[in-house]
């Protein structure tokens, strides 16, 4: 008597082999499942969307009248037609809330070809898109690997800093994603925060530790880089090099219109009361890939910090302010020599900002739960 059974197609089946094979398959499946669970990290922390039962009102901020009192000039106006000497005033306009319902809005970038602003909603693990022609708000990407800062390169491609991915990526024109940088000296980056692209195609980015400090804006992890650096990615070789290594927490950054200056925010005050809360400026040598001759450009009124910065075409510096005195929440504007010109008051902590609009004269402001906008009498610098 054999231990075989005839199948309908008359192929013999060995029961012992069947039982042994089934056990092996089950063991393999368990092993593969365990290995998968141990090795595959979540695609960023998936947030629970903010309930929209009672959203903040859109449109001009409450109490606005011309000239808008949310615009404060350090020079007292001689006439009533807006704050004299402060280029935030563009005429009959007011600060507007154009979108709301986010947990922490950050990293805005404007795409002129589509007339839309992309910005990160970090805890909700998504990139949002606001179309300025019809005020339509939509989700551009989710999950976004807890994206933070965004910019655009000279070919119109999105550059994104990701907390959960601990990397800088580029979204190609066909929608695919290329990893630009995720390691330095064989070790993971901390949590890339913000980026700019110089005319030669090099990508400069900051790498503090905010995105690995917990599970709210990323995935908690130990830092592998000893210092919190500013890096440059070579446009030809892809090599990642440190350009500045003496920041406490390097944050937002931007280029002067002629690319001869690099501005970088240090928000180290979040780590201790004796640490800086200021913007530093460097002499920039784009061809050599070097930043030198650092000095403090502007101090923030502690406990406030600034973590987003942009330049206009005349070299004025516009920066975010928040986390401190509510009366300081908003945007500050400085001359290229560091003199404070004026403030835009926003009713929330402001993280970042960018110029947009078809004339690049509309300032988009990421203020905590909302996106704000205001027309200015200047244009944002052509450089991202």
Foldseek 3Di string as FASTA:
>chain_A
DDQWDQDPVRDTDRPVCVVVVVVVVVVVVVVVVVVCVVPDDDLAQAADFFDVPPKDDWFADPPQDVVGPLWWFPDPDPDRRDRPQDQLDDGGWGKTFLWFRAQFWAAWEAQLVQQWIWIFRQLNQFIWIARPVVSDIDTPDPNNLSWHHWYAEPVGWIWIWHLAQLFIWIQDPVRDIGTLDQDDPPAGAQTWAYWFADPQGKIKTWGFNVSQCPRRRYHHDDGPDPFGFIWIQDRPPSHIDGQDGPALGWAAWEAFLVRQKIKIFGLNVVVDVVHFAFIKMFGDDPVVGHTDDIDTLEGDDPPKHWHEWFAFNQRKIKTAIDDGPLQQGFIWIAHNNRHTTITRRDNAHWHYWAFDDNQSQKIWTGGRRTIMIGGGNTHTRPTD
